[in-house]
Structures are given as C-alpha cells and as structure tokens.
Amino acid sequence: MSNVQPKNDKDETFSTKFEKFDFNKIPANFMNTNNVYQNICSLIESLKTVEHQQNCVNGIYDDFCKTVESEMSDKIPSKTIFVGGKQSNKKYRNKKPWWNESLSKLWYEMCNAEKAWNKCKNMHQNQLKAIYVQKRKHFDSEVQKSKRKYWYDMQEQLLSESSKNQHMFWKKIGKIGIAESRKHVIPMEVIDDDGNVSSELTDVLDKWKSEYSELLNQQNSSIRVSDSCTSLNEASTFNDFLLTEPISYQETVHVIEKTKRGKSAGIDNLPGENFMTNSPILNMQHTNKKATP
C-alpha cells in the first residue's frame, strides 16, 4: 500500500492505493519455476543455520514475502484500487433505504469543503469555514427531507395494501421489524416411536418432557468432586506428544483448506489463496522437513 502525491493544488487530498489480485486466475506455473524453487530452498537452508534470534527469523521471512509478492505481481492479474482523493474507484454508498445519488453528491461536496478548510493556513480560512458550514447545513436539511419522504411513501403504501391485500400488508409490516412472522421458531412436530410425524400438542410436550428429563437427569452422573479434581491434576501433568512432534504435512494442508477465501491479507500482505492450489511452496517446505520451525 502506498500514498499517491497530488499532481497539482486542485487535488483535494492524498490517496492510498493498493493492488487487488484476481485469485480465480492463478496460473499453473505460479511459484513453480526453478528460480523460485532455488530461492525458497535457500531460505529454508538459512533457517537451519541461522541463530535462533527473532530479528534473524524476521529477516528471512521478509525475504520470503518479497519472493511471493514478486511472483504475484508477475503472474496474477490485478487492478489498482485508489482509496480517497479524486482517483477513488468507488462512490460513497450508504445502506440506508432513504439514501440516493443526490445525497452522495452533497456528501462529497461537504467533505471536500471540510478538507479545503482544514488544509488552509492563510487569510481565506474563515471564508472556507463559512462555505463548509453552509454545505453541511444544506446536506443535513436534504437528509431530513429524504427521510421524511421515505417514511411518508412507506405509510401510504401500507395504507393502500391494508385495504387491498392483507397478506402483503402483514408481510411488509414484518420487513420493517414490527411483526414476528420472520423469526425462525422451533416446529411443533415430533417423531413418535413408530416413525410417524405428529403435530399434536400433547404428543409434542410429552416427547420433549421425556427427552429433556433423560438429558438433565442422567443415572450415571454421580461423580465425586475429589475424583474430578484428581483427573484434572493428572491431565495437567500429562505430556502430550502432539505438542512436541513436528508439524506434519497433513496438518498444514488441513489448516490451509479451512482458511477463508476473499479475506484481507495480514501485515505480511500475503493472501491465503496463494497456498490453496496444491502450492509448490507447501511441497518445498515439507521436502525439507528438518528445517527449523
């Protein structure tokens, strides 16, 4: 991520840009060339021989990140996203139902006026402040008008539906949070001993009573407190071999498969999608199993 300098005095502010990669188009040769293979192997060898100091490990990991980022830039399609400034790729969009394009335009005008006022350090500061206050009042006024119009139209629509279609009336009432028809409730049905579905209230209540009574009042639940404390003490001193064994290849694959797609990269700027398609990085790592973790 980097800052883009304004080209002239007319640019309102600095903008931040970053590259957004299309991970649906990862080529087959991604991280699968001789140069990359040699670089990764040399980094693994460095981990074997380096002193166990955090700054040394951090330096090696930085080199690894640079290698992956270079491959991403060369082989994965991407586009530049600008955040802030005139070059922004996206318009401001509010999820409120009464929001519209006119309010978006007024919002941008108000924000630009505020930025111009905050950046001004000369005699025009009071004039720019007055312009900002005027645009802010105009924006607030238009917001209230839009809200009132939206609620008025909704009321008229509900009144019209109440006289024409009662079903649609209550359905629309539910969408604005008044009715409880949209809540998910437990079905009043049970399966009896013969395998048939019964919706009779007495059958349902009797079934629930028997099931929950067995669940909450188990016959073999008479466990002494002293015995449970003894078992806890024994468990705390037990040396679990899984904590001392090296991380296996299958464990790593399992964790990678559970990684969520489409999430923002961390501080290392390496998205999880880089390691999800039979990654050569993973194969190279476990080829050198004796590398220092």
C-alpha atoms as a PDB file:
ATOM      1  CA  MET A   1       0.000   0.000   0.000  1.00  0.00           C
ATOM      2  CA  SER A   2       1.405   3.405  -0.915  1.00  0.00           C
ATOM      3  CA  ASN A   3       0.490   7.092  -0.908  1.00  0.00           C
ATOM      4  CA  VAL A   4      -0.100   8.939  -4.183  1.00  0.00           C
ATOM      5  CA  GLN A   5       1.035  12.559  -4.271  1.00  0.00           C
ATOM      6  CA  PRO A   6      -1.413  15.134  -5.699  1.00  0.00           C
ATOM      7  CA  LYS A   7      -0.451  16.313  -9.166  1.00  0.00           C
ATOM      8  CA  ASN A   8      -1.483  19.915  -8.564  1.00  0.00           C
ATOM      9  CA  ASP A   9      -3.067  22.199  -6.000  1.00  0.00           C
ATOM     10  CA  LYS A  10      -6.555  21.277  -7.209  1.00  0.00           C
ATOM     11  CA  ASP A  11      -6.276  17.740  -5.837  1.00  0.00           C
ATOM     12  CA  GLU A  12      -8.141  17.691  -2.539  1.00  0.00           C
ATOM     13  CA  THR A  13      -6.110  15.130  -0.640  1.00  0.00           C
ATOM     14  CA  PHE A  14      -3.599  12.330  -0.787  1.00  0.00           C
ATOM     15  CA  SER A  15      -4.927   8.954  -1.868  1.00  0.00           C
ATOM     16  CA  THR A  16      -3.863   5.479  -0.824  1.00  0.00           C
ATOM     17  CA  LYS A  17      -3.596   2.769  -3.442  1.00  0.00           C
ATOM     18  CA  PHE A  18      -3.138  -0.981  -3.346  1.00  0.00           C
ATOM     19  CA  GLU A  19      -3.160  -3.853  -5.811  1.00  0.00           C
ATOM     20  CA  LYS A  20      -6.184  -6.167  -5.780  1.00  0.00           C
ATOM     21  CA  PHE A  21      -5.339  -9.580  -7.248  1.00  0.00           C
ATOM     22  CA  ASP A  22      -7.776 -11.902  -9.020  1.00  0.00           C
ATOM     23  CA  PHE A  23      -7.103 -15.223  -7.270  1.00  0.00           C
ATOM     24  CA  ASN A  24      -9.578 -17.016  -9.525  1.00  0.00           C
ATOM     25  CA  LYS A  25      -6.958 -16.780 -12.270  1.00  0.00           C
ATOM     26  CA  ILE A  26      -3.859 -18.214 -10.586  1.00  0.00           C
ATOM     27  CA  PRO A  27      -1.751 -19.814 -13.351  1.00  0.00           C
ATOM     28  CA  ALA A  28      -0.360 -23.327 -13.120  1.00  0.00           C
ATOM     29  CA  ASN A  29       3.241 -22.078 -13.049  1.00  0.00           C
ATOM     30  CA  PHE A  30       2.687 -19.794 -10.054  1.00  0.00           C
ATOM     31  CA  MET A  31       5.561 -20.336  -7.590  1.00  0.00           C
ATOM     32  CA  ASN A  32       6.623 -23.296  -9.736  1.00  0.00           C
ATOM     33  CA  THR A  33       9.783 -22.154 -11.525  1.00  0.00           C
ATOM     34  CA  ASN A  34      13.426 -23.015 -10.952  1.00  0.00           C
ATOM     35  CA  ASN A  35      14.319 -19.542  -9.687  1.00  0.00           C
ATOM     36  CA  VAL A  36      11.539 -19.554  -7.119  1.00  0.00           C
ATOM     37  CA  TYR A  37      12.400 -23.096  -6.084  1.00  0.00           C
ATOM     38  CA  GLN A  38      16.037 -22.142  -5.505  1.00  0.00           C
ATOM     39  CA  ASN A  39      15.059 -19.031  -3.544  1.00  0.00           C
ATOM     40  CA  ILE A  40      12.705 -20.965  -1.251  1.00  0.00           C
ATOM     41  CA  CYS A  41      15.264 -23.720  -0.712  1.00  0.00           C
ATOM     42  CA  SER A  42      17.941 -21.176   0.177  1.00  0.00           C
ATOM     43  CA  LEU A  43      15.588 -19.563   2.694  1.00  0.00           C
ATOM     44  CA  ILE A  44      14.881 -22.956   4.280  1.00  0.00           C
ATOM     45  CA  GLU A  45      18.617 -23.664   4.492  1.00  0.00           C
ATOM     46  CA  SER A  46      19.095 -20.266   6.112  1.00  0.00           C
ATOM     47  CA  LEU A  47      16.540 -21.195   8.772  1.00  0.00           C
ATOM     48  CA  LYS A  48      18.566 -24.302   9.552  1.00  0.00           C
ATOM     49  CA  THR A  49      21.835 -22.461  10.069  1.00  0.00           C
ATOM     50  CA  VAL A  50      20.724 -19.105  11.421  1.00  0.00           C
ATOM     51  CA  GLU A  51      20.913 -18.289  15.101  1.00  0.00           C
ATOM     52  CA  HIS A  52      17.610 -18.554  16.919  1.00  0.00           C
ATOM     53  CA  GLN A  53      17.084 -14.818  17.219  1.00  0.00           C
ATOM     54  CA  GLN A  54      13.861 -13.081  16.332  1.00  0.00           C
ATOM     55  CA  ASN A  55      15.461 -10.438  14.112  1.00  0.00           C
ATOM     56  CA  CYS A  56      17.200 -13.109  12.020  1.00  0.00           C
ATOM     57  CA  VAL A  57      13.964 -15.059  11.566  1.00  0.00           C
ATOM     58  CA  ASN A  58      12.113 -11.856  10.700  1.00  0.00           C
ATOM     59  CA  GLY A  59      14.674 -11.009   8.028  1.00  0.00           C
ATOM     60  CA  ILE A  60      14.313 -14.426   6.392  1.00  0.00           C
ATOM     61  CA  TYR A  61      10.526 -14.155   6.476  1.00  0.00           C
ATOM     62  CA  ASP A  62      10.696 -10.698   4.862  1.00  0.00           C
ATOM     63  CA  ASP A  63      12.730 -12.197   2.019  1.00  0.00           C
ATOM     64  CA  PHE A  64      10.130 -14.947   1.639  1.00  0.00           C
ATOM     65  CA  CYS A  65       7.326 -12.360   1.450  1.00  0.00           C
ATOM     66  CA  LYS A  66       9.207 -10.409  -1.219  1.00  0.00           C
ATOM     67  CA  THR A  67       9.598 -13.577  -3.289  1.00  0.00           C
ATOM     68  CA  VAL A  68       5.880 -14.358  -3.134  1.00  0.00           C
ATOM     69  CA  GLU A  69       4.869 -10.748  -3.823  1.00  0.00           C
ATOM     70  CA  SER A  70       7.136 -10.650  -6.869  1.00  0.00           C
ATOM     71  CA  GLU A  71       5.503 -13.810  -8.240  1.00  0.00           C
ATOM     72  CA  MET A  72       2.039 -12.372  -7.589  1.00  0.00           C
ATOM     73  CA  SER A  73       2.862  -9.167  -9.458  1.00  0.00           C
ATOM     74  CA  ASP A  74       4.293 -11.069 -12.431  1.00  0.00           C
ATOM     75  CA  LYS A  75       1.719 -13.832 -12.878  1.00  0.00           C
ATOM     76  CA  ILE A  76      -1.617 -12.963 -11.224  1.00  0.00           C
ATOM     77  CA  PRO A  77      -3.910 -10.368 -12.877  1.00  0.00           C
ATOM     78  CA  SER A  78      -4.570  -7.341 -10.715  1.00  0.00           C
ATOM     79  CA  LYS A  79      -6.009  -3.859 -10.717  1.00  0.00           C
ATOM     80  CA  THR A  80      -5.057  -0.775  -8.741  1.00  0.00           C
ATOM     81  CA  ILE A  81      -7.574   0.382  -6.140  1.00  0.00           C
ATOM     82  CA  PHE A  82      -7.427   4.020  -5.014  1.00  0.00           C
ATOM     83  CA  VAL A  83      -8.887   4.974  -1.640  1.00  0.00           C
ATOM     84  CA  GLY A  84      -9.521   8.671  -1.109  1.00  0.00           C
ATOM     85  CA  GLY A  85      -8.835  11.613  -3.374  1.00  0.00           C
ATOM     86  CA  LYS A  86     -10.184  12.147  -6.889  1.00  0.00           C
ATOM     87  CA  GLN A  87      -8.969   8.780  -8.135  1.00  0.00           C
ATOM     88  CA  SER A  88     -11.279   6.726  -5.922  1.00  0.00           C
ATOM     89  CA  ASN A  89     -12.721   3.729  -7.768  1.00  0.00           C
ATOM     90  CA  LYS A  90     -15.891   3.574  -5.699  1.00  0.00           C
ATOM     91  CA  LYS A  91     -18.516   6.138  -4.906  1.00  0.00           C
ATOM     92  CA  TYR A  92     -19.710   6.631  -1.380  1.00  0.00           C
ATOM     93  CA  ARG A  93     -22.702   4.337  -0.924  1.00  0.00           C
ATOM     94  CA  ASN A  94     -24.872   4.319   2.160  1.00  0.00           C
ATOM     95  CA  LYS A  95     -27.050   1.310   3.017  1.00  0.00           C
ATOM     96  CA  LYS A  96     -29.887   3.435   4.355  1.00  0.00           C
ATOM     97  CA  PRO A  97     -33.076   2.943   2.310  1.00  0.00           C
ATOM     98  CA  TRP A  98     -33.649   6.684   2.058  1.00  0.00           C
ATOM     99  CA  TRP A  99     -30.175   7.382   0.627  1.00  0.00           C
ATOM    100  CA  ASN A 100     -29.877   8.473  -3.018  1.00  0.00           C
ATOM    101  CA  GLU A 101     -27.363   9.774  -5.541  1.00  0.00           C
ATOM    102  CA  SER A 102     -28.212  13.383  -4.761  1.00  0.00           C
ATOM    103  CA  LEU A 103     -27.211  12.870  -1.125  1.00  0.00           C
ATOM    104  CA  SER A 104     -23.984  11.208  -2.247  1.00  0.00           C
ATOM    105  CA  LYS A 105     -23.124  14.274  -4.321  1.00  0.00           C
ATOM    106  CA  LEU A 106     -23.907  16.631  -1.441  1.00  0.00           C
ATOM    107  CA  TRP A 107     -21.842  14.428   0.894  1.00  0.00           C
ATOM    108  CA  TYR A 108     -18.796  14.706  -1.358  1.00  0.00           C
ATOM    109  CA  GLU A 109     -19.200  18.455  -1.691  1.00  0.00           C
ATOM    110  CA  MET A 110     -19.390  18.806   2.088  1.00  0.00           C
ATOM    111  CA  CYS A 111     -16.320  16.581   2.615  1.00  0.00           C
ATOM    112  CA  ASN A 112     -14.290  18.495   0.026  1.00  0.00           C
ATOM    113  CA  ALA A 113     -15.255  21.798   1.641  1.00  0.00           C
ATOM    114  CA  GLU A 114     -14.179  20.483   5.045  1.00  0.00           C
ATOM    115  CA  LYS A 115     -10.836  19.264   3.657  1.00  0.00           C
ATOM    116  CA  ALA A 116     -10.188  22.617   1.978  1.00  0.00           C
ATOM    117  CA  TRP A 117     -10.937  24.427   5.235  1.00  0.00           C
ATOM    118  CA  ASN A 118      -8.690  22.148   7.319  1.00  0.00           C
ATOM    119  CA  LYS A 119      -5.798  22.449   4.865  1.00  0.00           C
ATOM    120  CA  CYS A 120      -5.995  26.231   4.577  1.00  0.00           C
ATOM    121  CA  LYS A 121      -3.468  28.159   6.674  1.00  0.00           C
ATOM    122  CA  ASN A 122      -3.885  31.653   5.226  1.00  0.00           C
ATOM    123  CA  MET A 123      -6.354  34.539   5.359  1.00  0.00           C
ATOM    124  CA  HIS A 124      -9.074  32.606   3.492  1.00  0.00           C
ATOM    125  CA  GLN A 125      -9.601  30.166   6.361  1.00  0.00           C
ATOM    126  CA  ASN A 126     -12.707  31.905   7.753  1.00  0.00           C
ATOM    127  CA  GLN A 127     -14.232  32.122   4.296  1.00  0.00           C
ATOM    128  CA  LEU A 128     -13.668  28.400   3.678  1.00  0.00           C
ATOM    129  CA  LYS A 129     -15.145  27.590   7.090  1.00  0.00           C
ATOM    130  CA  ALA A 130     -18.294  29.532   6.228  1.00  0.00           C
ATOM    131  CA  ILE A 131     -18.585  27.610   2.946  1.00  0.00           C
ATOM    132  CA  TYR A 132     -18.208  24.308   4.791  1.00  0.00           C
ATOM    133  CA  VAL A 133     -20.851  25.221   7.388  1.00  0.00           C
ATOM    134  CA  GLN A 134     -23.254  26.246   4.627  1.00  0.00           C
ATOM    135  CA  LYS A 135     -22.784  22.956   2.746  1.00  0.00           C
ATOM    136  CA  ARG A 136     -23.136  20.962   5.962  1.00  0.00           C
ATOM    137  CA  LYS A 137     -26.452  22.635   6.801  1.00  0.00           C
ATOM    138  CA  HIS A 138     -27.687  22.044   3.260  1.00  0.00           C
ATOM    139  CA  PHE A 139     -26.686  18.369   3.455  1.00  0.00           C
ATOM    140  CA  ASP A 140     -28.400  17.879   6.836  1.00  0.00           C
ATOM    141  CA  SER A 141     -31.546  19.534   5.506  1.00  0.00           C
ATOM    142  CA  GLU A 142     -31.657  17.281   2.443  1.00  0.00           C
ATOM    143  CA  VAL A 143     -31.109  14.204   4.617  1.00  0.00           C
ATOM    144  CA  GLN A 144     -34.125  15.073   6.749  1.00  0.00           C
ATOM    145  CA  LYS A 145     -36.228  15.711   3.642  1.00  0.00           C
ATOM    146  CA  SER A 146     -35.232  12.371   2.172  1.00  0.00           C
ATOM    147  CA  LYS A 147     -36.054  10.583   5.427  1.00  0.00           C
ATOM    148  CA  ARG A 148     -39.483  12.218   5.704  1.00  0.00           C
ATOM    149  CA  LYS A 149     -40.309  11.421   2.088  1.00  0.00           C
ATOM    150  CA  TYR A 150     -39.259   7.792   2.505  1.00  0.00           C
ATOM    151  CA  TRP A 151     -41.398   7.238   5.622  1.00  0.00           C
ATOM    152  CA  TYR A 152     -44.350   9.079   4.109  1.00  0.00           C
ATOM    153  CA  ASP A 153     -44.235   6.906   0.966  1.00  0.00           C
ATOM    154  CA  MET A 154     -43.984   3.777   3.110  1.00  0.00           C
ATOM    155  CA  GLN A 155     -47.004   4.787   5.180  1.00  0.00           C
ATOM    156  CA  GLU A 156     -49.048   5.474   2.065  1.00  0.00           C
ATOM    157  CA  GLN A 157     -48.055   2.139   0.613  1.00  0.00           C
ATOM    158  CA  LEU A 158     -49.009   0.294   3.799  1.00  0.00           C
ATOM    159  CA  LEU A 159     -52.397   2.008   3.924  1.00  0.00           C
ATOM    160  CA  SER A 160     -53.015   1.043   0.329  1.00  0.00           C
ATOM    161  CA  GLU A 161     -52.038  -2.586   0.956  1.00  0.00           C
ATOM    162  CA  SER A 162     -54.196  -2.808   4.091  1.00  0.00           C
ATOM    163  CA  SER A 163     -57.327  -2.199   2.032  1.00  0.00           C
ATOM    164  CA  LYS A 164     -56.322  -4.414  -0.911  1.00  0.00           C
ATOM    165  CA  ASN A 165     -54.186  -7.332   0.248  1.00  0.00           C
ATOM    166  CA  GLN A 166     -53.958  -8.187   3.940  1.00  0.00           C
ATOM    167  CA  HIS A 167     -51.282 -10.819   3.333  1.00  0.00           C
ATOM    168  CA  MET A 168     -48.911  -8.354   1.650  1.00  0.00           C
ATOM    169  CA  PHE A 169     -49.728  -5.790   4.329  1.00  0.00           C
ATOM    170  CA  TRP A 170     -48.506  -8.010   7.175  1.00  0.00           C
ATOM    171  CA  LYS A 171     -45.574  -9.176   5.098  1.00  0.00           C
ATOM    172  CA  LYS A 172     -44.378  -5.600   4.635  1.00  0.00           C
ATOM    173  CA  ILE A 173     -45.022  -4.883   8.302  1.00  0.00           C
ATOM    174  CA  GLY A 174     -42.698  -7.777   9.112  1.00  0.00           C
ATOM    175  CA  LYS A 175     -39.967  -6.333   6.913  1.00  0.00           C
ATOM    176  CA  ILE A 176     -39.824  -3.159   8.996  1.00  0.00           C
ATOM    177  CA  GLY A 177     -39.467  -5.150  12.212  1.00  0.00           C
ATOM    178  CA  ILE A 178     -42.971  -4.862  13.718  1.00  0.00           C
ATOM    179  CA  ALA A 179     -44.358  -8.351  13.212  1.00  0.00           C
ATOM    180  CA  GLU A 180     -42.646 -11.539  14.343  1.00  0.00           C
ATOM    181  CA  SER A 181     -43.555 -13.622  11.297  1.00  0.00           C
ATOM    182  CA  ARG A 182     -39.981 -13.617  10.036  1.00  0.00           C
ATOM    183  CA  LYS A 183     -38.498 -15.115  13.204  1.00  0.00           C
ATOM    184  CA  HIS A 184     -37.370 -18.714  12.997  1.00  0.00           C
ATOM    185  CA  VAL A 185     -39.287 -20.807  15.547  1.00  0.00           C
ATOM    186  CA  ILE A 186     -38.949 -24.419  16.631  1.00  0.00           C
ATOM    187  CA  PRO A 187     -41.520 -26.515  14.712  1.00  0.00           C
ATOM    188  CA  MET A 188     -44.226 -28.071  16.884  1.00  0.00           C
ATOM    189  CA  GLU A 189     -43.624 -31.532  15.468  1.00  0.00           C
ATOM    190  CA  VAL A 190     -42.051 -34.717  16.810  1.00  0.00           C
ATOM    191  CA  ILE A 191     -41.372 -38.209  15.526  1.00  0.00           C
ATOM    192  CA  ASP A 192     -43.129 -40.874  17.556  1.00  0.00           C
ATOM    193  CA  ASP A 193     -41.930 -44.404  18.300  1.00  0.00           C
ATOM    194  CA  ASP A 194     -43.491 -45.703  15.061  1.00  0.00           C
ATOM    195  CA  GLY A 195     -41.544 -43.192  12.945  1.00  0.00           C
ATOM    196  CA  ASN A 196     -44.571 -41.022  12.146  1.00  0.00           C
ATOM    197  CA  VAL A 197     -44.554 -37.225  12.405  1.00  0.00           C
ATOM    198  CA  SER A 198     -47.051 -35.911  14.945  1.00  0.00           C
ATOM    199  CA  SER A 199     -48.023 -32.270  15.424  1.00  0.00           C
ATOM    200  CA  GLU A 200     -50.440 -32.844  18.314  1.00  0.00           C
ATOM    201  CA  LEU A 201     -49.625 -30.561  21.228  1.00  0.00           C
ATOM    202  CA  THR A 202     -49.851 -33.317  23.847  1.00  0.00           C
ATOM    203  CA  ASP A 203     -47.548 -35.613  21.859  1.00  0.00           C
ATOM    204  CA  VAL A 204     -45.006 -32.832  21.364  1.00  0.00           C
ATOM    205  CA  LEU A 205     -44.958 -31.833  25.038  1.00  0.00           C
ATOM    206  CA  ASP A 206     -44.734 -35.439  26.246  1.00  0.00           C
ATOM    207  CA  LYS A 207     -41.845 -36.120  23.873  1.00  0.00           C
ATOM    208  CA  TRP A 208     -39.976 -33.024  24.988  1.00  0.00           C
ATOM    209  CA  LYS A 209     -40.577 -33.891  28.638  1.00  0.00           C
ATOM    210  CA  SER A 210     -39.181 -37.405  28.301  1.00  0.00           C
ATOM    211  CA  GLU A 211     -36.174 -36.370  26.197  1.00  0.00           C
ATOM    212  CA  TYR A 212     -35.119 -33.459  28.394  1.00  0.00           C
ATOM    213  CA  SER A 213     -35.652 -35.373  31.627  1.00  0.00           C
ATOM    214  CA  GLU A 214     -33.237 -38.053  30.410  1.00  0.00           C
ATOM    215  CA  LEU A 215     -30.781 -35.398  29.265  1.00  0.00           C
ATOM    216  CA  LEU A 216     -30.714 -33.414  32.509  1.00  0.00           C
ATOM    217  CA  ASN A 217     -31.084 -36.286  34.978  1.00  0.00           C
ATOM    218  CA  GLN A 218     -28.646 -38.961  33.929  1.00  0.00           C
ATOM    219  CA  GLN A 219     -28.382 -42.067  36.094  1.00  0.00           C
ATOM    220  CA  ASN A 220     -24.579 -42.318  35.963  1.00  0.00           C
ATOM    221  CA  SER A 221     -23.846 -38.680  36.770  1.00  0.00           C
ATOM    222  CA  SER A 222     -22.796 -39.281  40.403  1.00  0.00           C
ATOM    223  CA  ILE A 223     -19.172 -38.233  40.027  1.00  0.00           C
ATOM    224  CA  ARG A 224     -17.292 -37.168  43.104  1.00  0.00           C
ATOM    225  CA  VAL A 225     -15.649 -33.783  43.163  1.00  0.00           C
ATOM    226  CA  SER A 226     -12.424 -35.241  44.520  1.00  0.00           C
ATOM    227  CA  ASP A 227     -12.223 -37.719  41.634  1.00  0.00           C
ATOM    228  CA  SER A 228     -12.739 -34.971  39.069  1.00  0.00           C
ATOM    229  CA  CYS A 229     -10.031 -32.820  40.678  1.00  0.00           C
ATOM    230  CA  THR A 230      -7.641 -35.769  40.652  1.00  0.00           C
ATOM    231  CA  SER A 231      -8.281 -36.374  36.957  1.00  0.00           C
ATOM    232  CA  LEU A 232      -7.660 -32.690  36.217  1.00  0.00           C
ATOM    233  CA  ASN A 233      -4.341 -32.764  38.052  1.00  0.00           C
ATOM    234  CA  GLU A 234      -3.293 -35.857  36.161  1.00  0.00           C
ATOM    235  CA  ALA A 235      -4.247 -34.276  32.845  1.00  0.00           C
ATOM    236  CA  SER A 236      -2.251 -31.144  33.634  1.00  0.00           C
ATOM    237  CA  THR A 237       0.937 -33.158  34.158  1.00  0.00           C
ATOM    238  CA  PHE A 238       0.400 -35.395  31.127  1.00  0.00           C
ATOM    239  CA  ASN A 239       2.978 -34.818  28.413  1.00  0.00           C
ATOM    240  CA  ASP A 240       1.025 -34.740  25.160  1.00  0.00           C
ATOM    241  CA  PHE A 241       3.284 -35.984  22.381  1.00  0.00           C
ATOM    242  CA  LEU A 242       1.277 -33.981  19.811  1.00  0.00           C
ATOM    243  CA  LEU A 243       2.697 -30.780  21.291  1.00  0.00           C
ATOM    244  CA  THR A 244       6.286 -31.923  20.860  1.00  0.00           C
ATOM    245  CA  GLU A 245       6.061 -33.684  17.493  1.00  0.00           C
ATOM    246  CA  PRO A 246       6.941 -31.722  14.309  1.00  0.00           C
ATOM    247  CA  ILE A 247       4.019 -30.287  12.344  1.00  0.00           C
ATOM    248  CA  SER A 248       3.052 -32.813   9.687  1.00  0.00           C
ATOM    249  CA  TYR A 249       2.237 -32.171   6.052  1.00  0.00           C
ATOM    250  CA  GLN A 250      -1.392 -33.259   6.500  1.00  0.00           C
ATOM    251  CA  GLU A 251      -1.866 -30.891   9.450  1.00  0.00           C
ATOM    252  CA  THR A 252      -0.652 -27.978   7.349  1.00  0.00           C
ATOM    253  CA  VAL A 253      -2.897 -28.938   4.429  1.00  0.00           C
ATOM    254  CA  HIS A 254      -5.885 -29.237   6.773  1.00  0.00           C
ATOM    255  CA  VAL A 255      -5.325 -25.746   8.199  1.00  0.00           C
ATOM    256  CA  ILE A 256      -4.904 -24.233   4.718  1.00  0.00           C
ATOM    257  CA  GLU A 257      -8.106 -25.871   3.467  1.00  0.00           C
ATOM    258  CA  LYS A 258     -10.041 -24.323   6.371  1.00  0.00           C
ATOM    259  CA  THR A 259      -8.733 -20.833   5.565  1.00  0.00           C
ATOM    260  CA  LYS A 260     -11.498 -18.482   4.444  1.00  0.00           C
ATOM    261  CA  ARG A 261     -11.369 -17.148   0.892  1.00  0.00           C
ATOM    262  CA  GLY A 262     -11.555 -13.494  -0.009  1.00  0.00           C
ATOM    263  CA  LYS A 263     -10.225 -12.161   3.292  1.00  0.00           C
ATOM    264  CA  SER A 264      -7.865  -9.218   3.552  1.00  0.00           C
ATOM    265  CA  ALA A 265      -4.180 -10.030   3.818  1.00  0.00           C
ATOM    266  CA  GLY A 266      -2.377  -9.570   7.106  1.00  0.00           C
ATOM    267  CA  ILE A 267       0.638  -7.434   7.877  1.00  0.00           C
ATOM    268  CA  ASP A 268       2.791  -9.611   5.612  1.00  0.00           C
ATOM    269  CA  ASN A 269       0.495  -8.768   2.647  1.00  0.00           C
ATOM    270  CA  LEU A 270       0.234 -12.450   1.613  1.00  0.00           C
ATOM    271  CA  PRO A 271      -3.366 -13.592   0.936  1.00  0.00           C
ATOM    272  CA  GLY A 272      -4.263 -17.131   1.928  1.00  0.00           C
ATOM    273  CA  GLU A 273      -5.240 -18.020  -1.647  1.00  0.00           C
ATOM    274  CA  ASN A 274      -1.540 -18.256  -2.530  1.00  0.00           C
ATOM    275  CA  PHE A 275      -1.270 -21.520  -0.600  1.00  0.00           C
ATOM    276  CA  MET A 276      -4.546 -23.212  -1.563  1.00  0.00           C
ATOM    277  CA  THR A 277      -3.975 -24.686  -5.028  1.00  0.00           C
ATOM    278  CA  ASN A 278      -1.522 -27.547  -4.416  1.00  0.00           C
ATOM    279  CA  SER A 279       1.009 -24.890  -3.619  1.00  0.00           C
ATOM    280  CA  PRO A 280       4.626 -25.619  -4.587  1.00  0.00           C
ATOM    281  CA  ILE A 281       5.576 -23.551  -1.527  1.00  0.00           C
ATOM    282  CA  LEU A 282       3.984 -26.159   0.709  1.00  0.00           C
ATOM    283  CA  ASN A 283       5.639 -29.018  -1.149  1.00  0.00           C
ATOM    284  CA  MET A 284       9.054 -27.362  -0.925  1.00  0.00           C
ATOM    285  CA  GLN A 285       8.603 -26.697   2.777  1.00  0.00           C
ATOM    286  CA  HIS A 286       7.844 -30.317   3.612  1.00  0.00           C
ATOM    287  CA  THR A 287      10.542 -31.631   1.315  1.00  0.00           C
ATOM    288  CA  ASN A 288      12.898 -30.084   3.859  1.00  0.00           C
ATOM    289  CA  LYS A 289      11.202 -31.466   6.965  1.00  0.00           C
ATOM    290  CA  LYS A 290      14.166 -30.843   9.223  1.00  0.00           C
ATOM    291  CA  ALA A 291      14.014 -27.075   8.758  1.00  0.00           C
ATOM    292  CA  THR A 292      13.869 -25.070  11.938  1.00  0.00           C
ATOM    293  CA  PRO A 293      10.227 -24.235  12.791  1.00  0.00           C
END
